[in-house]
Amino acid sequence: MELIRDAHFWVGVAFVVFLGVLVLAGVHKLAWKALGDAGDKVRGQLDEANRLREEAQALLARIQADREASEKHSAEILANAQDQAERMQVEAQARLAEQIERRGQLAERRIATAEAQAAAEVKAAAGELAAQLAEQVLISRIAGAKSDPLIDAAIGQMAVKLQ
């Protein structure tokens, strides 16, 4: 009987009865359902996270492929630009060499023209000088001699020709 008076005993009995009532009421089914729903919710979130991760990986792979394609394209553009720059440099050098050649030929023609003109001027000056010297020689001969036998003979021939 002492057992009936013990408070711990009655607490134990109340607990067992409480558990029985919970089992009869189906609380354990509600608890399992709540845990299952929570598990389903977590599983859904994990599935969504995996799907998002896969999408992110696919997007990353596409971005990396685009980047590689862009780098390849930019390398091609750079190579084309370098080739074009080299071609332009070769063309510019050829045009410069051609222009230098033309200017050299033009300078040679100008020099030849200047030489010819100078030679003509020298000849003209020499002719003038010779004429002046001949004139001075003739003037000095005429002034020094009262009569020149050549002139006298020419005058005599003119008299015969005029008649």
N, C-alpha and C. Protein backbone atom coordinates (compact mmCIF):
# COMPACT_ATOMS: atom_id res chain seq x y z
N MET A 1 0.76 -1.15 0.00
CA MET A 1 0.00 0.00 0.00
C MET A 1 0.83 1.26 0.00
N GLU A 2 1.85 1.05 0.38
CA GLU A 2 2.69 2.20 0.37
C GLU A 2 2.93 2.66 -1.05
N LEU A 3 2.80 1.76 -1.87
CA LEU A 3 2.98 2.09 -3.25
C LEU A 3 1.88 3.02 -3.72
N ILE A 4 0.70 2.87 -3.21
CA ILE A 4 -0.41 3.71 -3.60
C ILE A 4 -0.19 5.11 -3.07
N ARG A 5 0.47 5.27 -2.02
CA ARG A 5 0.69 6.58 -1.46
C ARG A 5 1.91 7.28 -2.06
N ASP A 6 2.69 6.58 -2.79
CA ASP A 6 3.89 7.15 -3.35
C ASP A 6 3.53 8.01 -4.56
N ALA A 7 4.02 9.24 -4.62
CA ALA A 7 3.68 10.19 -5.69
C ALA A 7 4.34 9.79 -6.99
N HIS A 8 5.48 9.22 -6.91
CA HIS A 8 6.19 8.81 -8.11
C HIS A 8 5.39 7.74 -8.84
N PHE A 9 4.78 6.86 -8.11
CA PHE A 9 3.98 5.81 -8.70
C PHE A 9 2.85 6.41 -9.49
N TRP A 10 2.14 7.35 -8.89
CA TRP A 10 0.99 7.97 -9.57
C TRP A 10 1.44 8.82 -10.76
N VAL A 11 2.56 9.39 -10.68
CA VAL A 11 3.09 10.14 -11.82
C VAL A 11 3.38 9.16 -12.94
N GLY A 12 3.96 8.01 -12.66
CA GLY A 12 4.26 6.99 -13.66
C GLY A 12 2.98 6.48 -14.29
N VAL A 13 1.94 6.21 -13.43
CA VAL A 13 0.67 5.71 -13.95
C VAL A 13 0.05 6.76 -14.84
N ALA A 14 0.09 8.01 -14.46
CA ALA A 14 -0.50 9.09 -15.25
C ALA A 14 0.22 9.22 -16.59
N PHE A 15 1.49 9.01 -16.53
CA PHE A 15 2.25 9.12 -17.77
C PHE A 15 1.88 7.99 -18.72
N VAL A 16 1.74 6.77 -18.23
CA VAL A 16 1.38 5.62 -19.05
C VAL A 16 -0.02 5.84 -19.63
N VAL A 17 -0.94 6.35 -18.81
CA VAL A 17 -2.31 6.61 -19.27
C VAL A 17 -2.26 7.71 -20.34
N PHE A 18 -1.47 8.71 -20.11
CA PHE A 18 -1.37 9.81 -21.08
C PHE A 18 -0.85 9.28 -22.41
N LEU A 19 0.15 8.42 -22.37
CA LEU A 19 0.69 7.84 -23.59
C LEU A 19 -0.38 6.98 -24.27
N GLY A 20 -1.14 6.25 -23.52
CA GLY A 20 -2.21 5.42 -24.08
C GLY A 20 -3.24 6.28 -24.79
N VAL A 21 -3.62 7.39 -24.14
CA VAL A 21 -4.60 8.30 -24.74
C VAL A 21 -4.03 8.87 -26.03
N LEU A 22 -2.76 9.23 -26.04
CA LEU A 22 -2.14 9.77 -27.24
C LEU A 22 -2.14 8.74 -28.36
N VAL A 23 -1.86 7.48 -28.02
CA VAL A 23 -1.85 6.42 -29.03
C VAL A 23 -3.25 6.21 -29.56
N LEU A 24 -4.24 6.18 -28.66
CA LEU A 24 -5.63 5.99 -29.09
C LEU A 24 -6.10 7.18 -29.94
N ALA A 25 -5.67 8.35 -29.65
CA ALA A 25 -6.09 9.53 -30.39
C ALA A 25 -5.37 9.62 -31.74
N GLY A 26 -4.32 8.88 -31.97
CA GLY A 26 -3.59 8.88 -33.22
C GLY A 26 -2.58 10.01 -33.33
N VAL A 27 -2.14 10.46 -32.23
CA VAL A 27 -1.15 11.56 -32.23
C VAL A 27 0.15 11.09 -32.86
N HIS A 28 0.48 9.84 -32.67
CA HIS A 28 1.73 9.34 -33.24
C HIS A 28 1.69 9.40 -34.77
N LYS A 29 0.49 9.16 -35.36
CA LYS A 29 0.35 9.26 -36.81
C LYS A 29 0.54 10.72 -37.26
N LEU A 30 0.01 11.65 -36.51
CA LEU A 30 0.18 13.07 -36.84
C LEU A 30 1.65 13.48 -36.73
N ALA A 31 2.30 12.95 -35.70
CA ALA A 31 3.72 13.28 -35.52
C ALA A 31 4.54 12.73 -36.68
N TRP A 32 4.26 11.45 -37.06
CA TRP A 32 4.99 10.86 -38.17
C TRP A 32 4.69 11.62 -39.48
N LYS A 33 3.44 12.03 -39.64
CA LYS A 33 3.07 12.78 -40.83
C LYS A 33 3.80 14.13 -40.85
N ALA A 34 3.85 14.80 -39.71
CA ALA A 34 4.55 16.08 -39.63
C ALA A 34 6.02 15.90 -39.94
N LEU A 35 6.61 14.86 -39.37
CA LEU A 35 8.03 14.59 -39.66
C LEU A 35 8.22 14.23 -41.13
N GLY A 36 7.31 13.46 -41.70
CA GLY A 36 7.39 13.11 -43.12
C GLY A 36 7.24 14.33 -44.01
N ASP A 37 6.28 15.21 -43.64
CA ASP A 37 6.11 16.44 -44.41
C ASP A 37 7.36 17.31 -44.34
N ALA A 38 7.92 17.40 -43.15
CA ALA A 38 9.15 18.19 -42.99
C ALA A 38 10.27 17.56 -43.82
N GLY A 39 10.36 16.24 -43.79
CA GLY A 39 11.38 15.54 -44.59
C GLY A 39 11.16 15.77 -46.08
N ASP A 40 9.87 15.71 -46.50
CA ASP A 40 9.57 15.96 -47.91
C ASP A 40 9.95 17.39 -48.30
N LYS A 41 9.67 18.32 -47.40
CA LYS A 41 10.00 19.71 -47.66
C LYS A 41 11.52 19.88 -47.81
N VAL A 42 12.26 19.24 -46.89
CA VAL A 42 13.73 19.32 -46.94
C VAL A 42 14.22 18.64 -48.21
N ARG A 43 13.64 17.48 -48.57
CA ARG A 43 14.02 16.76 -49.79
C ARG A 43 13.74 17.64 -51.01
N GLY A 44 12.61 18.31 -51.02
CA GLY A 44 12.28 19.22 -52.13
C GLY A 44 13.28 20.36 -52.22
N GLN A 45 13.64 20.89 -51.07
CA GLN A 45 14.63 21.97 -51.07
C GLN A 45 15.99 21.47 -51.57
N LEU A 46 16.35 20.24 -51.16
CA LEU A 46 17.61 19.66 -51.65
C LEU A 46 17.55 19.42 -53.15
N ASP A 47 16.42 18.92 -53.65
CA ASP A 47 16.27 18.71 -55.09
C ASP A 47 16.38 20.04 -55.84
N GLU A 48 15.70 21.07 -55.30
CA GLU A 48 15.77 22.40 -55.91
C GLU A 48 17.21 22.93 -55.90
N ALA A 49 17.90 22.71 -54.78
CA ALA A 49 19.30 23.16 -54.68
C ALA A 49 20.17 22.41 -55.69
N ASN A 50 19.94 21.10 -55.85
CA ASN A 50 20.71 20.33 -56.84
C ASN A 50 20.41 20.82 -58.26
N ARG A 51 19.13 21.09 -58.54
CA ARG A 51 18.75 21.59 -59.86
C ARG A 51 19.42 22.94 -60.14
N LEU A 52 19.40 23.83 -59.14
CA LEU A 52 20.03 25.14 -59.28
C LEU A 52 21.55 25.00 -59.47
N ARG A 53 22.15 24.06 -58.73
CA ARG A 53 23.59 23.82 -58.86
C ARG A 53 23.91 23.33 -60.27
N GLU A 54 23.10 22.41 -60.81
CA GLU A 54 23.32 21.91 -62.15
C GLU A 54 23.14 23.03 -63.17
N GLU A 55 22.14 23.87 -62.99
CA GLU A 55 21.95 25.01 -63.89
C GLU A 55 23.14 25.95 -63.83
N ALA A 56 23.62 26.19 -62.62
CA ALA A 56 24.78 27.07 -62.44
C ALA A 56 26.01 26.47 -63.11
N GLN A 57 26.20 25.16 -62.99
CA GLN A 57 27.34 24.51 -63.63
C GLN A 57 27.21 24.58 -65.15
N ALA A 58 25.99 24.38 -65.66
CA ALA A 58 25.78 24.48 -67.11
C ALA A 58 26.05 25.91 -67.58
N LEU A 59 25.57 26.89 -66.82
CA LEU A 59 25.80 28.29 -67.16
C LEU A 59 27.29 28.61 -67.12
N LEU A 60 27.98 28.10 -66.09
CA LEU A 60 29.42 28.31 -65.98
C LEU A 60 30.15 27.69 -67.16
N ALA A 61 29.75 26.48 -67.56
CA ALA A 61 30.38 25.83 -68.71
C ALA A 61 30.13 26.63 -69.98
N ARG A 62 28.90 27.15 -70.15
CA ARG A 62 28.59 27.95 -71.33
C ARG A 62 29.40 29.24 -71.32
N ILE A 63 29.51 29.87 -70.17
CA ILE A 63 30.28 31.11 -70.06
C ILE A 63 31.75 30.85 -70.36
N GLN A 64 32.28 29.73 -69.84
CA GLN A 64 33.69 29.41 -70.12
C GLN A 64 33.89 29.14 -71.61
N ALA A 65 32.94 28.43 -72.23
CA ALA A 65 33.05 28.18 -73.67
C ALA A 65 32.98 29.49 -74.44
N ASP A 66 32.07 30.38 -74.03
CA ASP A 66 31.97 31.69 -74.69
C ASP A 66 33.27 32.48 -74.51
N ARG A 67 33.83 32.42 -73.31
CA ARG A 67 35.08 33.13 -73.05
C ARG A 67 36.21 32.58 -73.92
N GLU A 68 36.28 31.25 -74.02
CA GLU A 68 37.32 30.65 -74.85
C GLU A 68 37.12 31.04 -76.31
N ALA A 69 35.84 31.03 -76.76
CA ALA A 69 35.57 31.43 -78.14
C ALA A 69 35.93 32.89 -78.35
N SER A 70 35.63 33.73 -77.37
CA SER A 70 35.97 35.16 -77.46
C SER A 70 37.47 35.36 -77.48
N GLU A 71 38.18 34.61 -76.65
CA GLU A 71 39.64 34.73 -76.63
C GLU A 71 40.23 34.27 -77.97
N LYS A 72 39.66 33.18 -78.51
CA LYS A 72 40.14 32.68 -79.81
C LYS A 72 39.86 33.72 -80.89
N HIS A 73 38.65 34.29 -80.86
CA HIS A 73 38.27 35.30 -81.84
C HIS A 73 39.17 36.53 -81.72
N SER A 74 39.43 36.96 -80.49
CA SER A 74 40.28 38.14 -80.31
C SER A 74 41.71 37.84 -80.75
N ALA A 75 42.17 36.60 -80.54
CA ALA A 75 43.51 36.24 -81.00
C ALA A 75 43.57 36.27 -82.53
N GLU A 76 42.48 35.79 -83.19
CA GLU A 76 42.43 35.84 -84.65
C GLU A 76 42.42 37.28 -85.13
N ILE A 77 41.64 38.12 -84.47
CA ILE A 77 41.58 39.54 -84.85
C ILE A 77 42.95 40.18 -84.70
N LEU A 78 43.62 39.88 -83.59
CA LEU A 78 44.95 40.43 -83.35
C LEU A 78 45.93 39.95 -84.42
N ALA A 79 45.86 38.66 -84.76
CA ALA A 79 46.76 38.12 -85.79
C ALA A 79 46.48 38.77 -87.13
N ASN A 80 45.19 38.94 -87.46
CA ASN A 80 44.84 39.61 -88.72
C ASN A 80 45.33 41.04 -88.73
N ALA A 81 45.17 41.73 -87.59
CA ALA A 81 45.63 43.12 -87.51
C ALA A 81 47.15 43.19 -87.68
N GLN A 82 47.87 42.25 -87.09
CA GLN A 82 49.33 42.25 -87.23
C GLN A 82 49.72 41.98 -88.68
N ASP A 83 49.03 41.01 -89.32
CA ASP A 83 49.32 40.74 -90.72
C ASP A 83 49.04 41.96 -91.59
N GLN A 84 47.91 42.60 -91.33
CA GLN A 84 47.56 43.79 -92.10
C GLN A 84 48.58 44.90 -91.86
N ALA A 85 49.01 45.06 -90.62
CA ALA A 85 50.01 46.09 -90.32
C ALA A 85 51.32 45.79 -91.05
N GLU A 86 51.70 44.51 -91.09
CA GLU A 86 52.93 44.16 -91.80
C GLU A 86 52.78 44.42 -93.30
N ARG A 87 51.61 44.06 -93.87
CA ARG A 87 51.38 44.32 -95.29
C ARG A 87 51.42 45.82 -95.57
N MET A 88 50.79 46.58 -94.69
CA MET A 88 50.77 48.04 -94.87
C MET A 88 52.18 48.59 -94.78
N GLN A 89 52.99 48.05 -93.87
CA GLN A 89 54.37 48.52 -93.73
C GLN A 89 55.17 48.21 -95.00
N VAL A 90 54.97 46.99 -95.53
CA VAL A 90 55.69 46.62 -96.76
C VAL A 90 55.25 47.53 -97.91
N GLU A 91 53.93 47.76 -98.02
CA GLU A 91 53.42 48.64 -99.07
C GLU A 91 53.97 50.06 -98.90
N ALA A 92 54.00 50.54 -97.66
CA ALA A 92 54.51 51.89 -97.41
C ALA A 92 55.98 51.98 -97.77
N GLN A 93 56.74 50.93 -97.44
CA GLN A 93 58.16 50.95 -97.79
C GLN A 93 58.34 50.93 -99.30
N ALA A 94 57.49 50.14 -99.98
CA ALA A 94 57.59 50.08 -101.45
C ALA A 94 57.24 51.44 -102.05
N ARG A 95 56.16 52.06 -101.54
CA ARG A 95 55.78 53.38 -102.05
C ARG A 95 56.87 54.40 -101.76
N LEU A 96 57.47 54.33 -100.58
CA LEU A 96 58.54 55.26 -100.23
C LEU A 96 59.75 55.06 -101.16
N ALA A 97 60.11 53.81 -101.40
CA ALA A 97 61.24 53.54 -102.30
C ALA A 97 60.93 54.05 -103.71
N GLU A 98 59.68 53.83 -104.15
CA GLU A 98 59.27 54.31 -105.47
C GLU A 98 59.32 55.84 -105.54
N GLN A 99 58.85 56.48 -104.48
CA GLN A 99 58.85 57.94 -104.44
C GLN A 99 60.29 58.46 -104.42
N ILE A 100 61.14 57.81 -103.65
CA ILE A 100 62.55 58.22 -103.61
C ILE A 100 63.18 58.06 -104.99
N GLU A 101 62.85 56.95 -105.68
CA GLU A 101 63.39 56.73 -107.03
C GLU A 101 62.91 57.82 -107.98
N ARG A 102 61.59 58.13 -107.93
CA ARG A 102 61.06 59.19 -108.81
C ARG A 102 61.72 60.52 -108.52
N ARG A 103 61.85 60.85 -107.25
CA ARG A 103 62.48 62.14 -106.90
C ARG A 103 63.94 62.17 -107.33
N GLY A 104 64.62 61.02 -107.23
CA GLY A 104 66.01 60.94 -107.68
C GLY A 104 66.11 61.17 -109.17
N GLN A 105 65.18 60.54 -109.92
CA GLN A 105 65.17 60.74 -111.38
C GLN A 105 64.86 62.19 -111.73
N LEU A 106 63.89 62.78 -111.00
CA LEU A 106 63.55 64.17 -111.23
C LEU A 106 64.75 65.07 -110.95
N ALA A 107 65.45 64.79 -109.85
CA ALA A 107 66.63 65.59 -109.52
C ALA A 107 67.71 65.42 -110.59
N GLU A 108 67.88 64.18 -111.10
CA GLU A 108 68.88 63.96 -112.14
C GLU A 108 68.50 64.74 -113.41
N ARG A 109 67.19 64.73 -113.76
CA ARG A 109 66.75 65.50 -114.93
C ARG A 109 67.00 66.99 -114.72
N ARG A 110 66.68 67.47 -113.53
CA ARG A 110 66.92 68.89 -113.25
C ARG A 110 68.40 69.23 -113.34
N ILE A 111 69.22 68.33 -112.82
CA ILE A 111 70.68 68.56 -112.88
C ILE A 111 71.13 68.57 -114.33
N ALA A 112 70.62 67.59 -115.12
CA ALA A 112 71.01 67.54 -116.55
C ALA A 112 70.56 68.80 -117.27
N THR A 113 69.33 69.25 -116.97
CA THR A 113 68.82 70.48 -117.58
C THR A 113 69.68 71.67 -117.18
N ALA A 114 70.01 71.74 -115.89
CA ALA A 114 70.84 72.84 -115.40
C ALA A 114 72.22 72.80 -116.05
N GLU A 115 72.78 71.58 -116.22
CA GLU A 115 74.08 71.46 -116.86
C GLU A 115 74.00 71.92 -118.32
N ALA A 116 72.95 71.50 -119.02
CA ALA A 116 72.80 71.89 -120.43
C ALA A 116 72.63 73.40 -120.54
N GLN A 117 71.82 73.97 -119.63
CA GLN A 117 71.60 75.41 -119.64
C GLN A 117 72.90 76.14 -119.33
N ALA A 118 73.64 75.62 -118.36
CA ALA A 118 74.92 76.25 -118.01
C ALA A 118 75.89 76.16 -119.18
N ALA A 119 75.90 74.99 -119.85
CA ALA A 119 76.80 74.84 -121.02
C ALA A 119 76.40 75.81 -122.12
N ALA A 120 75.07 75.95 -122.33
CA ALA A 120 74.60 76.88 -123.37
C ALA A 120 74.98 78.31 -123.00
N GLU A 121 74.84 78.66 -121.72
CA GLU A 121 75.20 80.01 -121.29
C GLU A 121 76.69 80.25 -121.44
N VAL A 122 77.49 79.22 -121.12
CA VAL A 122 78.95 79.35 -121.27
C VAL A 122 79.31 79.53 -122.74
N LYS A 123 78.64 78.75 -123.63
CA LYS A 123 78.92 78.87 -125.06
C LYS A 123 78.51 80.26 -125.56
N ALA A 124 77.34 80.72 -125.09
CA ALA A 124 76.88 82.05 -125.51
C ALA A 124 77.85 83.12 -125.01
N ALA A 125 78.28 83.00 -123.77
CA ALA A 125 79.22 83.98 -123.22
C ALA A 125 80.55 83.91 -123.97
N ALA A 126 80.96 82.68 -124.31
CA ALA A 126 82.22 82.52 -125.05
C ALA A 126 82.08 83.13 -126.44
N GLY A 127 80.92 82.95 -127.08
CA GLY A 127 80.68 83.54 -128.40
C GLY A 127 80.70 85.05 -128.34
N GLU A 128 80.01 85.60 -127.33
CA GLU A 128 80.00 87.05 -127.17
C GLU A 128 81.41 87.58 -126.95
N LEU A 129 82.14 86.90 -126.07
CA LEU A 129 83.51 87.32 -125.77
C LEU A 129 84.37 87.24 -127.04
N ALA A 130 84.19 86.17 -127.82
CA ALA A 130 84.98 86.04 -129.07
C ALA A 130 84.62 87.16 -130.04
N ALA A 131 83.31 87.49 -130.11
CA ALA A 131 82.88 88.57 -131.01
C ALA A 131 83.46 89.89 -130.55
N GLN A 132 83.44 90.14 -129.26
CA GLN A 132 83.99 91.39 -128.73
C GLN A 132 85.49 91.47 -129.00
N LEU A 133 86.18 90.34 -128.80
CA LEU A 133 87.62 90.32 -129.05
C LEU A 133 87.92 90.54 -130.54
N ALA A 134 87.09 89.90 -131.38
CA ALA A 134 87.31 90.07 -132.83
C ALA A 134 87.06 91.52 -133.22
N GLU A 135 86.00 92.11 -132.62
CA GLU A 135 85.71 93.52 -132.90
C GLU A 135 86.87 94.41 -132.47
N GLN A 136 87.40 94.15 -131.29
CA GLN A 136 88.52 94.97 -130.80
C GLN A 136 89.75 94.78 -131.69
N VAL A 137 89.95 93.54 -132.14
CA VAL A 137 91.11 93.28 -133.01
C VAL A 137 90.93 94.03 -134.33
N LEU A 138 89.73 93.97 -134.87
CA LEU A 138 89.48 94.65 -136.13
C LEU A 138 89.60 96.17 -135.96
N ILE A 139 89.05 96.68 -134.87
CA ILE A 139 89.14 98.12 -134.62
C ILE A 139 90.60 98.54 -134.49
N SER A 140 91.36 97.75 -133.79
CA SER A 140 92.77 98.11 -133.61
C SER A 140 93.53 97.99 -134.93
N ARG A 141 93.18 97.05 -135.77
CA ARG A 141 93.84 96.91 -137.08
C ARG A 141 93.48 98.08 -137.99
N ILE A 142 92.19 98.43 -137.96
CA ILE A 142 91.75 99.52 -138.83
C ILE A 142 92.36 100.83 -138.33
N ALA A 143 92.38 101.03 -137.06
CA ALA A 143 92.94 102.26 -136.54
C ALA A 143 94.45 102.30 -136.76
N GLY A 144 95.15 101.19 -136.71
CA GLY A 144 96.60 101.15 -136.85
C GLY A 144 97.04 101.24 -138.30
N ALA A 145 96.26 100.79 -139.19
CA ALA A 145 96.65 100.82 -140.60
C ALA A 145 95.70 101.74 -141.33
N LYS A 146 96.31 102.56 -142.21
CA LYS A 146 95.49 103.49 -142.94
C LYS A 146 94.76 102.76 -144.03
N SER A 147 95.36 101.78 -144.56
CA SER A 147 94.67 101.00 -145.55
C SER A 147 95.06 99.56 -145.36
N ASP A 148 94.05 98.78 -145.49
CA ASP A 148 94.26 97.33 -145.33
C ASP A 148 94.23 96.75 -146.73
N PRO A 149 95.21 95.95 -147.13
CA PRO A 149 95.23 95.41 -148.49
C PRO A 149 93.99 94.59 -148.79
N LEU A 150 93.44 93.94 -147.86
CA LEU A 150 92.25 93.14 -148.11
C LEU A 150 91.07 94.04 -148.39
N ILE A 151 90.99 95.13 -147.63
CA ILE A 151 89.88 96.05 -147.81
C ILE A 151 90.04 96.75 -149.15
N ASP A 152 91.23 97.13 -149.50
CA ASP A 152 91.46 97.79 -150.78
C ASP A 152 91.10 96.86 -151.93
N ALA A 153 91.46 95.62 -151.81
CA ALA A 153 91.16 94.64 -152.87
C ALA A 153 89.66 94.45 -152.96
N ALA A 154 88.98 94.40 -151.79
CA ALA A 154 87.53 94.21 -151.79
C ALA A 154 86.85 95.41 -152.40
N ILE A 155 87.33 96.60 -152.13
CA ILE A 155 86.73 97.80 -152.71
C ILE A 155 86.93 97.80 -154.21
N GLY A 156 88.07 97.39 -154.66
CA GLY A 156 88.34 97.32 -156.10
C GLY A 156 87.42 96.32 -156.77
N GLN A 157 87.16 95.22 -156.14
CA GLN A 157 86.27 94.21 -156.72
C GLN A 157 84.84 94.71 -156.75
N MET A 158 84.48 95.53 -155.79
CA MET A 158 83.14 96.05 -155.75
C MET A 158 82.94 97.05 -156.90
N ALA A 159 83.98 97.80 -157.21
CA ALA A 159 83.85 98.75 -158.29
C ALA A 159 83.61 98.02 -159.58
N VAL A 160 84.26 96.89 -159.78
CA VAL A 160 84.11 96.11 -161.00
C VAL A 160 82.71 95.48 -161.02
N LYS A 161 82.25 95.02 -159.93
CA LYS A 161 80.95 94.35 -159.85
C LYS A 161 79.82 95.33 -160.02
N LEU A 162 80.00 96.55 -159.61
CA LEU A 162 78.93 97.53 -159.69
C LEU A 162 78.76 98.04 -161.13
N GLN A 163 79.73 97.97 -161.93
CA GLN A 163 79.63 98.49 -163.28
C GLN A 163 78.95 97.55 -164.16
